[in-house]
Amino acid sequence: MQNPRVSILIPFKNTAHFLPECLDSILEQTYSNWEVLAINDHSDDGSLDLLTLYAKKDQRIKVFKNKGQGIIPALRTAYKNSSGDYITRMDSDDIMKPNRLDVMVKSLIENGEGHVAVGKVKYFSERGVSNGYARYESWLNKLTQVGKNYDEIYKECVIPSPCWMTFKKDLELCGAFEPDRYPEDYDLTFRFYENGLKVIPCSETLHLWRDYDSRTSRTSEHYAQNYFLELKLHYFLRLDYDKNRPLVIWGAGFKGKSVAKLLLKADISFVWLCDNPKKIGKKIYGKELVHFKTLEELESPQSIITVANEQAQNEIKDFLNRTNQLPMQDFFFFC
């Protein structure tokens, strides 16, 4: 198939200010065999009117109403009405680089089914990009450059929600947008990983990712830290946890406590390590914290590392490497 149709799924809600740039960037794509499935998620600004005007000018743009509430029902509506061979997402406040679809389609044609095409991203903002987002962008792009995104999947979402493309068959295999689990982009990434979809390396920046205060990922409760931790642990226990090996948690900060609480609730036994002299020997939730060298006494442990400090992470990594433990087999960074 040399000229496959690409279905671009776009949920939108009150983004009239940004939609023209978004839609114009799609119209300016060097690859032209696409359709837009734009789903109005109960906008009360001029978004719907604006999109309706674009749809009248170009029949490749189709507008539907979200019968449910939120991004997941909107994505389901878009997917249900799609006719493309390939599926991709787009955020209604972002901008595609002109060659984005072209690069991704060619990558999928060259590599075939069982792959997901990605691209580097670039954040932009009228008030300047925060240090946190700049670091995330750099980290994500380094993984994308070599296609090693899954290597650090438990840290953060390793495939950006508006910058992936895959065969419709493969998306169907992964359950498409069926689960009611947020953050929905991270959940889908885990399902790509679970079903063995290989990430195609990409060295080009294909997507401009807008940051602003009222952006959904900043305002919706579905993107709060506890949702991320619950999702990470859900997939860790399902995909990488070996119940025949001792489970270890490193760190007793917010994330460490949250993971410990979830494990206790699930009645899963674990050893809780700490390097803070003030906390060692104390109990949290009835569980005693022990010195990290206790790890050496355990037979073939698996470690969840919740320590956020970069220097401390490097020290932990060095310690684990000296004992011949392997990432994504023996230890997993949750930060």
Protein backbone atom coordinates (compact mmCIF):
# COMPACT_ATOMS: atom_id res chain seq x y z
CA MET A 1 0.00 0.00 0.00
CA GLN A 2 1.80 3.09 -1.27
CA ASN A 3 -0.74 5.84 -0.54
CA PRO A 4 -2.64 4.84 2.61
CA ARG A 5 -5.27 7.10 4.10
CA VAL A 6 -4.42 8.58 7.50
CA SER A 7 -7.20 9.25 10.00
CA ILE A 8 -6.34 12.18 12.30
CA LEU A 9 -8.35 12.08 15.53
CA ILE A 10 -8.87 15.50 17.14
CA PRO A 11 -10.96 15.99 20.29
CA PHE A 12 -11.54 19.71 20.86
CA LYS A 13 -13.02 21.85 23.60
CA ASN A 14 -12.86 25.66 23.77
CA THR A 15 -9.68 26.00 21.70
CA ALA A 16 -11.01 28.51 19.14
CA HIS A 17 -8.00 30.73 19.78
CA PHE A 18 -5.60 27.99 18.65
CA LEU A 19 -7.60 25.97 16.11
CA PRO A 20 -6.73 28.00 12.98
CA GLU A 21 -2.99 27.34 13.45
CA CYS A 22 -3.69 23.68 14.16
CA LEU A 23 -5.95 23.12 11.15
CA ASP A 24 -3.80 25.18 8.79
CA SER A 25 -0.80 23.06 9.73
CA ILE A 26 -2.78 19.96 8.67
CA LEU A 27 -3.90 21.56 5.42
CA GLU A 28 -0.26 22.41 4.69
CA GLN A 29 0.95 18.80 5.06
CA THR A 30 3.10 17.50 2.21
CA TYR A 31 1.14 14.25 2.47
CA SER A 32 -2.44 14.79 1.30
CA ASN A 33 -4.34 11.50 1.73
CA TRP A 34 -5.77 12.20 5.17
CA GLU A 35 -9.06 12.79 6.93
CA VAL A 36 -9.72 14.74 10.11
CA LEU A 37 -12.26 13.40 12.60
CA ALA A 38 -12.83 16.42 14.85
CA ILE A 39 -14.97 15.76 17.93
CA ASN A 40 -16.63 18.65 19.73
CA ASP A 41 -16.41 17.94 23.46
CA HIS A 42 -19.16 20.38 24.50
CA SER A 43 -17.36 23.62 23.55
CA ASP A 44 -19.04 26.87 24.53
CA ASP A 45 -16.73 29.23 22.65
CA GLY A 46 -16.46 29.63 18.87
CA SER A 47 -14.61 26.32 18.30
CA LEU A 48 -17.49 24.46 16.67
CA ASP A 49 -18.36 27.33 14.30
CA LEU A 50 -14.73 27.65 13.29
CA LEU A 51 -14.32 23.95 12.60
CA THR A 52 -17.60 23.84 10.70
CA LEU A 53 -16.27 26.57 8.39
CA TYR A 54 -13.09 24.57 7.73
CA ALA A 55 -15.17 21.44 7.05
CA LYS A 56 -17.23 23.32 4.45
CA LYS A 57 -14.05 24.35 2.64
CA ASP A 58 -12.38 20.93 2.73
CA GLN A 59 -14.40 17.69 2.68
CA ARG A 60 -11.53 15.79 4.31
CA ILE A 61 -12.46 17.53 7.59
CA LYS A 62 -15.44 15.98 9.38
CA VAL A 63 -16.99 17.26 12.60
CA PHE A 64 -18.92 15.19 15.16
CA LYS A 65 -20.40 15.74 18.61
CA ASN A 66 -19.03 13.93 21.65
CA LYS A 67 -21.98 12.03 23.11
CA GLY A 68 -20.04 11.41 26.31
CA GLN A 69 -17.84 13.74 28.35
CA GLY A 70 -14.07 14.05 28.04
CA ILE A 71 -11.21 12.90 25.84
CA ILE A 72 -11.74 9.13 25.94
CA PRO A 73 -15.38 9.17 24.72
CA ALA A 74 -14.35 11.78 22.11
CA LEU A 75 -11.54 9.54 20.85
CA ARG A 76 -13.93 6.59 20.66
CA THR A 77 -16.33 8.66 18.55
CA ALA A 78 -13.51 9.77 16.25
CA TYR A 79 -12.16 6.23 15.90
CA LYS A 80 -15.61 4.79 15.20
CA ASN A 81 -16.05 7.21 12.29
CA SER A 82 -12.54 6.81 10.87
CA SER A 83 -11.89 5.12 7.53
CA GLY A 84 -8.10 5.35 7.36
CA ASP A 85 -5.56 2.54 7.12
CA TYR A 86 -3.34 4.42 9.57
CA ILE A 87 -4.43 6.23 12.75
CA THR A 88 -2.86 9.24 14.46
CA ARG A 89 -3.89 11.73 17.14
CA MET A 90 -3.62 15.50 17.15
CA ASP A 91 -4.29 18.07 19.87
CA SER A 92 -6.46 20.98 18.77
CA ASP A 93 -4.07 23.53 20.26
CA ASP A 94 -0.86 22.20 18.65
CA ILE A 95 0.91 22.53 15.31
CA MET A 96 2.15 19.84 12.91
CA LYS A 97 5.41 20.38 11.08
CA PRO A 98 4.64 20.26 7.30
CA ASN A 99 6.30 16.86 6.78
CA ARG A 100 4.91 15.11 9.86
CA LEU A 101 2.41 12.82 8.13
CA ASP A 102 4.81 12.16 5.25
CA VAL A 103 7.64 11.04 7.54
CA MET A 104 5.37 8.82 9.64
CA VAL A 105 3.62 7.17 6.69
CA LYS A 106 6.95 6.39 5.03
CA SER A 107 8.27 4.94 8.30
CA LEU A 108 5.26 2.61 8.62
CA ILE A 109 5.39 1.55 4.96
CA GLU A 110 9.09 0.76 5.30
CA ASN A 111 8.78 -1.12 8.62
CA GLY A 112 5.37 -2.75 8.26
CA GLU A 113 2.78 -3.85 10.78
CA GLY A 114 3.77 -4.28 14.42
CA HIS A 115 5.35 -0.82 14.58
CA VAL A 116 4.46 2.62 15.88
CA ALA A 117 5.89 5.73 14.22
CA VAL A 118 6.85 8.65 16.47
CA GLY A 119 8.65 11.97 16.09
CA LYS A 120 10.56 14.45 18.16
CA VAL A 121 8.54 17.22 19.79
CA LYS A 122 9.23 20.86 20.55
CA TYR A 123 7.40 22.74 23.31
CA PHE A 124 6.47 26.37 22.75
CA SER A 125 4.67 28.92 24.89
CA GLU A 126 3.94 32.64 24.83
CA ARG A 127 5.36 32.95 28.36
CA GLY A 128 8.34 30.67 27.82
CA VAL A 129 8.72 26.96 28.45
CA SER A 130 9.25 25.89 32.07
CA ASN A 131 12.36 23.98 33.08
CA GLY A 132 10.28 20.87 33.82
CA TYR A 133 8.78 20.74 30.33
CA ALA A 134 12.15 21.51 28.73
CA ARG A 135 13.70 18.56 30.59
CA TYR A 136 10.81 16.29 29.60
CA GLU A 137 11.20 17.32 25.95
CA SER A 138 14.94 16.62 26.00
CA TRP A 139 14.50 13.24 27.72
CA LEU A 140 11.69 12.18 25.37
CA ASN A 141 13.56 13.22 22.23
CA LYS A 142 16.69 11.29 23.26
CA LEU A 143 14.60 8.12 23.55
CA THR A 144 12.81 8.82 20.25
CA GLN A 145 16.10 9.41 18.41
CA VAL A 146 17.07 5.77 18.96
CA GLY A 147 13.61 4.18 19.35
CA LYS A 148 14.36 3.09 22.93
CA ASN A 149 11.20 4.67 24.37
CA TYR A 150 10.09 1.62 26.33
CA ASP A 151 13.41 1.47 28.21
CA GLU A 152 12.13 4.15 30.59
CA ILE A 153 8.38 3.63 30.30
CA TYR A 154 7.78 3.66 34.08
CA LYS A 155 9.32 7.15 34.48
CA GLU A 156 6.91 9.18 32.37
CA CYS A 157 4.80 8.74 29.22
CA VAL A 158 7.37 7.85 26.55
CA ILE A 159 5.15 8.37 23.48
CA PRO A 160 3.65 11.86 23.12
CA SER A 161 -0.13 11.72 22.72
CA PRO A 162 -0.30 13.99 19.63
CA CYS A 163 2.75 12.56 17.83
CA TRP A 164 2.35 8.87 17.03
CA MET A 165 0.92 6.88 14.13
CA THR A 166 0.20 3.20 13.70
CA PHE A 167 -1.69 0.75 11.53
CA LYS A 168 -5.39 0.60 12.35
CA LYS A 169 -5.01 -3.19 12.74
CA ASP A 170 -2.31 -2.69 15.37
CA LEU A 171 -4.31 -0.08 17.27
CA GLU A 172 -7.25 -2.51 17.27
CA LEU A 173 -4.95 -5.25 18.60
CA CYS A 174 -4.00 -2.92 21.48
CA GLY A 175 -7.62 -2.21 22.41
CA ALA A 176 -7.74 1.22 20.74
CA PHE A 177 -9.59 3.59 23.10
CA GLU A 178 -11.69 1.01 24.95
CA PRO A 179 -10.23 1.29 28.50
CA ASP A 180 -11.64 3.97 30.78
CA ARG A 181 -8.19 4.60 32.22
CA TYR A 182 -6.53 8.00 32.55
CA PRO A 183 -4.08 9.39 31.62
CA GLU A 184 -5.33 7.86 28.36
CA ASP A 185 -2.15 8.58 26.37
CA TYR A 186 0.05 6.84 28.94
CA ASP A 187 -2.36 3.91 29.13
CA LEU A 188 -2.21 3.47 25.35
CA THR A 189 1.59 3.65 25.46
CA PHE A 190 1.64 0.80 27.98
CA ARG A 191 -0.64 -1.21 25.70
CA PHE A 192 1.70 -0.60 22.74
CA TYR A 193 4.47 -1.95 24.98
CA GLU A 194 2.36 -4.89 26.18
CA ASN A 195 1.51 -5.95 22.62
CA GLY A 196 5.07 -5.66 21.36
CA LEU A 197 4.67 -2.75 18.94
CA LYS A 198 8.19 -1.64 18.05
CA VAL A 199 9.00 2.07 18.15
CA ILE A 200 10.56 3.34 14.92
CA PRO A 201 13.49 5.69 15.68
CA CYS A 202 13.08 9.25 14.39
CA SER A 203 15.60 12.09 14.38
CA GLU A 204 13.22 14.81 13.09
CA THR A 205 11.08 17.24 15.05
CA LEU A 206 7.57 16.65 13.72
CA HIS A 207 5.30 18.25 16.28
CA LEU A 208 5.09 21.63 18.04
CA TRP A 209 3.52 21.12 21.47
CA ARG A 210 1.83 24.19 22.96
CA ASP A 211 2.00 24.84 26.70
CA TYR A 212 -0.39 27.23 28.46
CA ASP A 213 -2.08 27.46 31.84
CA SER A 214 -5.54 26.16 30.87
CA ARG A 215 -4.26 23.16 28.93
CA THR A 216 -6.12 19.94 29.85
CA SER A 217 -3.03 18.16 31.18
CA ARG A 218 -2.55 21.05 33.63
CA THR A 219 -6.17 21.42 34.77
CA SER A 220 -7.89 18.02 34.67
CA GLU A 221 -7.81 15.78 37.74
CA HIS A 222 -7.19 12.84 35.37
CA TYR A 223 -3.59 14.01 34.94
CA ALA A 224 -2.81 14.35 38.65
CA GLN A 225 0.22 12.53 40.06
CA ASN A 226 -1.82 9.80 41.79
CA TYR A 227 -3.34 8.73 38.46
CA PHE A 228 0.13 8.32 36.96
CA LEU A 229 1.38 6.24 39.90
CA GLU A 230 -1.68 3.98 39.91
CA LEU A 231 -1.28 3.42 36.16
CA LYS A 232 2.43 2.65 36.43
CA LEU A 233 1.89 0.14 39.22
CA HIS A 234 -1.09 -1.42 37.43
CA TYR A 235 1.04 -2.22 34.37
CA PHE A 236 4.16 -3.13 36.34
CA LEU A 237 2.23 -5.77 38.27
CA ARG A 238 0.65 -7.00 35.05
CA LEU A 239 3.69 -7.00 32.75
CA ASP A 240 7.01 -7.02 34.61
CA TYR A 241 6.44 -8.11 38.21
CA ASP A 242 7.63 -11.61 39.13
CA LYS A 243 5.70 -12.70 42.23
CA ASN A 244 8.35 -15.36 42.92
CA ARG A 245 10.97 -12.67 43.57
CA PRO A 246 11.20 -10.26 46.55
CA LEU A 247 9.76 -6.84 45.70
CA VAL A 248 11.56 -3.73 46.93
CA ILE A 249 10.60 -0.05 47.10
CA TRP A 250 13.35 2.58 47.22
CA GLY A 251 12.41 5.91 48.78
CA ALA A 252 9.87 7.19 51.31
CA GLY A 253 8.84 10.49 49.75
CA PHE A 254 5.39 11.19 48.30
CA LYS A 255 5.77 8.69 45.45
CA GLY A 256 7.31 6.00 47.64
CA LYS A 257 4.51 6.33 50.18
CA SER A 258 1.87 6.27 47.44
CA VAL A 259 3.28 3.09 45.88
CA ALA A 260 3.64 1.47 49.33
CA LYS A 261 0.01 2.28 50.15
CA LEU A 262 -1.18 0.76 46.86
CA LEU A 263 0.87 -2.41 47.42
CA LEU A 264 -0.43 -2.77 50.97
CA LYS A 265 -3.98 -2.35 49.69
CA ALA A 266 -3.33 -5.10 47.13
CA ASP A 267 -1.83 -7.30 49.87
CA ILE A 268 1.51 -7.54 48.05
CA SER A 269 4.56 -8.04 50.26
CA PHE A 270 7.59 -5.76 49.82
CA VAL A 271 10.78 -4.55 51.48
CA TRP A 272 10.99 -0.76 51.94
CA LEU A 273 14.47 0.70 51.53
CA CYS A 274 15.66 4.13 52.62
CA ASP A 275 18.98 5.98 52.89
CA ASN A 276 17.70 8.70 55.24
CA PRO A 277 19.13 7.97 58.73
CA LYS A 278 16.16 9.79 60.33
CA LYS A 279 13.67 7.37 58.71
CA ILE A 280 15.55 4.05 58.90
CA GLY A 281 13.98 1.81 61.55
CA LYS A 282 10.76 3.84 61.65
CA LYS A 283 7.40 2.54 60.48
CA ILE A 284 5.09 4.11 57.91
CA TYR A 285 1.66 2.50 57.43
CA GLY A 286 2.92 -0.19 59.82
CA LYS A 287 5.84 -1.06 57.51
CA GLU A 288 9.41 -0.64 58.78
CA LEU A 289 11.96 1.19 56.62
CA VAL A 290 15.35 -0.53 56.36
CA HIS A 291 18.84 0.46 55.16
CA PHE A 292 19.35 0.13 51.41
CA LYS A 293 22.19 -2.36 51.90
CA THR A 294 19.51 -4.84 52.98
CA LEU A 295 19.06 -5.36 49.25
CA GLU A 296 22.29 -7.42 49.20
CA GLU A 297 20.69 -9.94 51.57
CA LEU A 298 17.74 -10.59 49.24
CA GLU A 299 17.77 -13.30 46.61
CA SER A 300 17.06 -11.96 43.10
CA PRO A 301 15.01 -8.89 44.12
CA GLN A 302 12.99 -6.60 41.85
CA SER A 303 13.19 -2.90 42.75
CA ILE A 304 10.77 -0.03 42.19
CA ILE A 305 12.76 3.21 42.55
CA THR A 306 10.71 6.25 43.57
CA VAL A 307 13.63 8.57 44.45
CA ALA A 308 13.33 11.76 42.38
CA ASN A 309 16.72 13.39 43.08
CA GLU A 310 18.92 12.96 40.00
CA GLN A 311 22.17 12.56 41.91
CA ALA A 312 20.58 9.98 44.22
CA GLN A 313 19.20 8.14 41.17
CA ASN A 314 22.70 7.92 39.67
CA GLU A 315 24.09 6.59 42.95
CA ILE A 316 21.34 3.97 43.11
CA LYS A 317 22.00 3.01 39.49
CA ASP A 318 25.74 2.62 40.19
CA PHE A 319 24.99 0.47 43.23
CA LEU A 320 22.64 -1.77 41.20
CA ASN A 321 25.08 -2.02 38.30
CA ARG A 322 27.84 -3.15 40.68
CA THR A 323 25.61 -6.01 41.76
CA ASN A 324 24.93 -6.94 38.09
CA GLN A 325 21.26 -5.98 38.15
CA LEU A 326 19.60 -5.02 34.87
CA PRO A 327 17.14 -2.19 34.08
CA MET A 328 13.59 -3.25 33.11
CA GLN A 329 14.31 -6.71 34.55
CA ASP A 330 15.66 -6.17 38.04
CA PHE A 331 14.96 -2.49 38.65
CA PHE A 332 12.42 0.04 37.41
CA PHE A 333 12.57 3.82 37.81
CA PHE A 334 9.16 5.29 38.68
CA CYS A 335 10.60 8.85 38.66
